C-alpha atoms as a PDB file:
ATOM      1  CA  MET A   1       9.127  -8.083 -68.314  1.00  0.00           C
ATOM      2  CA  GLN A   2      12.054  -5.946 -67.722  1.00  0.00           C
ATOM      3  CA  LEU A   3      15.538  -6.968 -65.848  1.00  0.00           C
ATOM      4  CA  PHE A   4      17.588  -4.049 -64.053  1.00  0.00           C
ATOM      5  CA  ILE A   5      20.778  -5.862 -62.661  1.00  0.00           C
ATOM      6  CA  GLY A   6      23.912  -4.201 -61.519  1.00  0.00           C
ATOM      7  CA  GLY A   7      26.403  -4.163 -58.405  1.00  0.00           C
ATOM      8  CA  ALA A   8      25.117  -3.617 -54.452  1.00  0.00           C
ATOM      9  CA  TYR A   9      23.900  -0.259 -54.272  1.00  0.00           C
ATOM     10  CA  CYS A  10      24.840   0.801 -57.915  1.00  0.00           C
ATOM     11  CA  GLY A  11      21.479   2.823 -58.198  1.00  0.00           C
ATOM     12  CA  LYS A  12      19.187   0.456 -59.163  1.00  0.00           C
ATOM     13  CA  ARG A  13      16.287   1.166 -57.020  1.00  0.00           C
ATOM     14  CA  LYS A  14      16.792   5.397 -58.376  1.00  0.00           C
ATOM     15  CA  VAL A  15      16.746   3.810 -61.799  1.00  0.00           C
ATOM     16  CA  VAL A  16      13.746   2.240 -61.638  1.00  0.00           C
ATOM     17  CA  LYS A  17      11.770   5.206 -60.081  1.00  0.00           C
ATOM     18  CA  ALA A  18      12.984   7.263 -62.755  1.00  0.00           C
ATOM     19  CA  ILE A  19      12.240   5.851 -65.427  1.00  0.00           C
ATOM     20  CA  HIS A  20       8.742   4.564 -63.942  1.00  0.00           C
ATOM     21  CA  THR A  21       5.680   6.873 -63.258  1.00  0.00           C
ATOM     22  CA  GLY A  22       3.059   6.057 -61.043  1.00  0.00           C
ATOM     23  CA  GLU A  23       2.283   3.716 -58.307  1.00  0.00           C
ATOM     24  CA  PHE A  24       4.358   0.722 -58.140  1.00  0.00           C
ATOM     25  CA  CYS A  25       4.008  -2.508 -55.767  1.00  0.00           C
ATOM     26  CA  TRP A  26       6.959  -3.246 -54.475  1.00  0.00           C
ATOM     27  CA  VAL A  27       8.179  -6.714 -52.641  1.00  0.00           C
ATOM     28  CA  SER A  28      11.360  -6.973 -51.518  1.00  0.00           C
ATOM     29  CA  SER A  29      12.949  -9.441 -49.436  1.00  0.00           C
ATOM     30  CA  TYR A  30      15.290  -6.924 -47.418  1.00  0.00           C
ATOM     31  CA  TYR A  31      11.610  -5.874 -45.895  1.00  0.00           C
ATOM     32  CA  ASN A  32      11.496  -9.682 -45.416  1.00  0.00           C
ATOM     33  CA  SER A  33       8.511 -10.154 -47.883  1.00  0.00           C
ATOM     34  CA  ASN A  34       8.251 -12.925 -50.000  1.00  0.00           C
ATOM     35  CA  PHE A  35       8.375 -13.523 -53.677  1.00  0.00           C
ATOM     36  CA  THR A  36       5.855 -16.263 -53.335  1.00  0.00           C
ATOM     37  CA  ASP A  37       2.924 -14.346 -51.830  1.00  0.00           C
ATOM     38  CA  TRP A  38       3.657 -11.247 -55.105  1.00  0.00           C
ATOM     39  CA  ARG A  39      -0.322 -11.264 -55.675  1.00  0.00           C
ATOM     40  CA  SER A  40      -1.008 -10.654 -52.106  1.00  0.00           C
ATOM     41  CA  TYR A  41       0.617  -7.190 -52.388  1.00  0.00           C
ATOM     42  CA  ARG A  42      -0.574  -6.005 -55.947  1.00  0.00           C
ATOM     43  CA  GLU A  43      -3.190  -3.751 -56.920  1.00  0.00           C
ATOM     44  CA  ASP A  44      -4.682  -4.374 -60.524  1.00  0.00           C
ATOM     45  CA  ASP A  45      -3.352  -1.286 -61.998  1.00  0.00           C
ATOM     46  CA  THR A  46      -0.234  -0.622 -59.900  1.00  0.00           C
ATOM     47  CA  ALA A  47       3.397  -2.113 -61.781  1.00  0.00           C
ATOM     48  CA  ILE A  48       4.978  -4.978 -59.386  1.00  0.00           C
ATOM     49  CA  VAL A  49       8.582  -4.438 -58.599  1.00  0.00           C
ATOM     50  CA  LEU A  50      10.342  -7.618 -57.179  1.00  0.00           C
ATOM     51  CA  GLU A  51      13.642  -6.888 -55.542  1.00  0.00           C
ATOM     52  CA  GLY A  52      16.403  -9.102 -53.126  1.00  0.00           C
ATOM     53  CA  TRP A  53      16.834 -12.374 -55.336  1.00  0.00           C
ATOM     54  CA  GLU A  54      19.697 -13.195 -53.695  1.00  0.00           C
ATOM     55  CA  LYS A  55      18.142 -13.463 -50.262  1.00  0.00           C
ATOM     56  CA  TRP A  56      15.488 -15.462 -52.091  1.00  0.00           C
ATOM     57  CA  ILE A  57      17.848 -17.672 -53.562  1.00  0.00           C
ATOM     58  CA  MET A  58      19.961 -18.125 -50.501  1.00  0.00           C
ATOM     59  CA  ASP A  59      16.124 -19.080 -48.558  1.00  0.00           C
ATOM     60  CA  ALA A  60      16.373 -21.933 -51.481  1.00  0.00           C
ATOM     61  CA  LEU A  61      19.524 -23.177 -51.453  1.00  0.00           C
ATOM     62  CA  GLN A  62      19.220 -24.194 -47.835  1.00  0.00           C
ATOM     63  CA  LEU A  63      16.031 -26.237 -48.139  1.00  0.00           C
ATOM     64  CA  GLU A  64      17.270 -27.209 -51.457  1.00  0.00           C
ATOM     65  CA  HIS A  65      20.675 -28.829 -52.083  1.00  0.00           C
ATOM     66  CA  ASP A  66      20.364 -29.287 -55.944  1.00  0.00           C
ATOM     67  CA  ASP A  67      20.890 -26.574 -58.269  1.00  0.00           C
ATOM     68  CA  ASP A  68      18.892 -27.728 -61.635  1.00  0.00           C
ATOM     69  CA  SER A  69      16.197 -28.105 -58.978  1.00  0.00           C
ATOM     70  CA  ILE A  70      16.579 -24.132 -57.582  1.00  0.00           C
ATOM     71  CA  ARG A  71      16.944 -23.037 -60.766  1.00  0.00           C
ATOM     72  CA  GLN A  72      14.074 -24.775 -62.806  1.00  0.00           C
ATOM     73  CA  PHE A  73      11.684 -23.432 -59.650  1.00  0.00           C
ATOM     74  CA  PHE A  74      12.802 -19.457 -60.615  1.00  0.00           C
ATOM     75  CA  TYR A  75      12.605 -19.912 -64.151  1.00  0.00           C
ATOM     76  CA  SER A  76       9.359 -21.355 -63.484  1.00  0.00           C
ATOM     77  CA  PHE A  77       8.207 -18.772 -61.437  1.00  0.00           C
ATOM     78  CA  PHE A  78       9.732 -16.192 -64.325  1.00  0.00           C
ATOM     79  CA  LEU A  79       7.300 -17.480 -66.492  1.00  0.00           C
ATOM     80  CA  GLU A  80       4.476 -16.862 -64.014  1.00  0.00           C
ATOM     81  CA  LEU A  81       5.224 -13.869 -64.038  1.00  0.00           C
ATOM     82  CA  LYS A  82       5.269 -13.043 -67.695  1.00  0.00           C
ATOM     83  CA  GLU A  83       1.659 -14.433 -68.049  1.00  0.00           C
ATOM     84  CA  GLU A  84       0.261 -12.086 -65.280  1.00  0.00           C
ATOM     85  CA  GLU A  85       1.974  -9.317 -66.868  1.00  0.00           C
ATOM     86  CA  ARG A  86       0.529 -10.782 -70.125  1.00  0.00           C
ATOM     87  CA  LYS A  87      -2.971 -10.865 -69.009  1.00  0.00           C
ATOM     88  CA  LYS A  88      -2.623  -7.301 -66.467  1.00  0.00           C
ATOM     89  CA  GLY A  89      -0.876  -5.645 -69.297  1.00  0.00           C
ATOM     90  CA  LYS A  90       0.997  -4.430 -66.632  1.00  0.00           C
ATOM     91  CA  GLU A  91       4.712  -4.141 -65.617  1.00  0.00           C
ATOM     92  CA  ILE A  92       6.687  -6.283 -64.037  1.00  0.00           C
ATOM     93  CA  ILE A  93      10.446  -5.636 -63.183  1.00  0.00           C
ATOM     94  CA  LEU A  94      12.877  -7.559 -61.638  1.00  0.00           C
ATOM     95  CA  ILE A  95      15.307  -5.797 -59.611  1.00  0.00           C
ATOM     96  CA  MET A  96      18.534  -8.370 -59.266  1.00  0.00           C
ATOM     97  CA  LEU A  97      22.277  -7.870 -57.803  1.00  0.00           C
ATOM     98  CA  GLU A  98      25.480  -8.700 -60.030  1.00  0.00           C
ATOM     99  CA  MET A  99      26.925 -11.056 -58.106  1.00  0.00           C
ATOM    100  CA  GLY A 100      29.772 -12.275 -60.746  1.00  0.00           C
ATOM    101  CA  ARG A 101      31.989  -9.849 -60.622  1.00  0.00           C
ATOM    102  CA  GLY A 102      35.403 -10.006 -58.130  1.00  0.00           C
ATOM    103  CA  ILE A 103      36.427 -12.931 -56.011  1.00  0.00           C
ATOM    104  CA  VAL A 104      35.186 -16.289 -56.309  1.00  0.00           C
ATOM    105  CA  PRO A 105      34.457 -17.395 -52.770  1.00  0.00           C
ATOM    106  CA  LEU A 106      35.677 -19.557 -50.623  1.00  0.00           C
ATOM    107  CA  ASN A 107      32.847 -20.565 -48.426  1.00  0.00           C
ATOM    108  CA  LYS A 108      31.314 -23.421 -50.080  1.00  0.00           C
ATOM    109  CA  GLN A 109      27.333 -22.001 -49.561  1.00  0.00           C
ATOM    110  CA  GLU A 110      28.726 -18.861 -51.179  1.00  0.00           C
ATOM    111  CA  ARG A 111      30.132 -20.314 -54.016  1.00  0.00           C
ATOM    112  CA  SER A 112      27.190 -21.914 -54.667  1.00  0.00           C
ATOM    113  CA  LEU A 113      24.564 -18.740 -53.969  1.00  0.00           C
ATOM    114  CA  ARG A 114      26.852 -16.838 -56.593  1.00  0.00           C
ATOM    115  CA  ASP A 115      26.590 -19.665 -59.224  1.00  0.00           C
ATOM    116  CA  ILE A 116      22.847 -20.010 -58.837  1.00  0.00           C
ATOM    117  CA  ALA A 117      22.423 -16.698 -58.754  1.00  0.00           C
ATOM    118  CA  GLY A 118      24.274 -16.276 -62.257  1.00  0.00           C
ATOM    119  CA  TRP A 119      22.443 -18.530 -63.695  1.00  0.00           C
ATOM    120  CA  ILE A 120      18.560 -17.564 -62.540  1.00  0.00           C
ATOM    121  CA  SER A 121      20.277 -13.718 -63.048  1.00  0.00           C
ATOM    122  CA  GLN A 122      20.786 -14.914 -67.395  1.00  0.00           C
ATOM    123  CA  ASP A 123      17.528 -17.048 -67.319  1.00  0.00           C
ATOM    124  CA  ALA A 124      15.511 -13.455 -66.434  1.00  0.00           C
ATOM    125  CA  ALA A 125      17.721 -12.033 -69.244  1.00  0.00           C
ATOM    126  CA  LYS A 126      16.435 -14.787 -71.342  1.00  0.00           C
ATOM    127  CA  LEU A 127      12.739 -13.999 -70.966  1.00  0.00           C
ATOM    128  CA  ALA A 128      12.509  -9.969 -70.198  1.00  0.00           C
ATOM    129  CA  ASP A 129      11.618  -8.172 -72.722  1.00  0.00           C
ATOM    130  CA  GLU A 130      13.924  -5.196 -71.705  1.00  0.00           C
ATOM    131  CA  VAL A 131      17.055  -6.023 -69.542  1.00  0.00           C
ATOM    132  CA  TYR A 132      19.302  -2.423 -68.418  1.00  0.00           C
ATOM    133  CA  TYR A 133      22.432  -2.830 -66.253  1.00  0.00           C
ATOM    134  CA  VAL A 134      23.238  -0.107 -63.275  1.00  0.00           C
ATOM    135  CA  TRP A 135      26.431   1.562 -62.235  1.00  0.00           C
ATOM    136  CA  HIS A 136      26.688   4.991 -60.469  1.00  0.00           C
ATOM    137  CA  GLY A 137      23.177   5.324 -61.120  1.00  0.00           C
ATOM    138  CA  MET A 138      22.967   5.136 -64.933  1.00  0.00           C
ATOM    139  CA  LYS A 139      21.451   2.563 -66.542  1.00  0.00           C
ATOM    140  CA  GLU A 140      22.565   0.389 -70.643  1.00  0.00           C
ATOM    141  CA  GLN A 141      19.706  -1.098 -71.863  1.00  0.00           C
ATOM    142  CA  VAL A 142      21.757  -4.383 -73.524  1.00  0.00           C
ATOM    143  CA  LYS A 143      18.221  -5.653 -74.496  1.00  0.00           C
END
């Protein structure tokens, strides 16, 4: 599993497309895809890219107000993805938005999103085989 993380509009998609040739199954919250339906989008011989985690996390926050439960849910999902990658031999690529830099939001829900997204990003980085930080269209491998 690979993780590409960086700020908004910093070129994460472009970097992923430049590194990985071949077909992708792209599951994006920005196009109203639900990450839990990823199996229905995937073909056996394609890598899968999941992006838009901040929206999926916000959706979870609106349904469940316990931070630990949300974090555990996503951690379990990452384990499921890793197992799928092991079975099929095709890459799983996560693209995540870095939300931890800058001003801490005043709005409680936005602060919760920022906090939980940070913890979930840490969990993804821990489980990922490779982690890349992306800024200005450039990448640096940090794991």
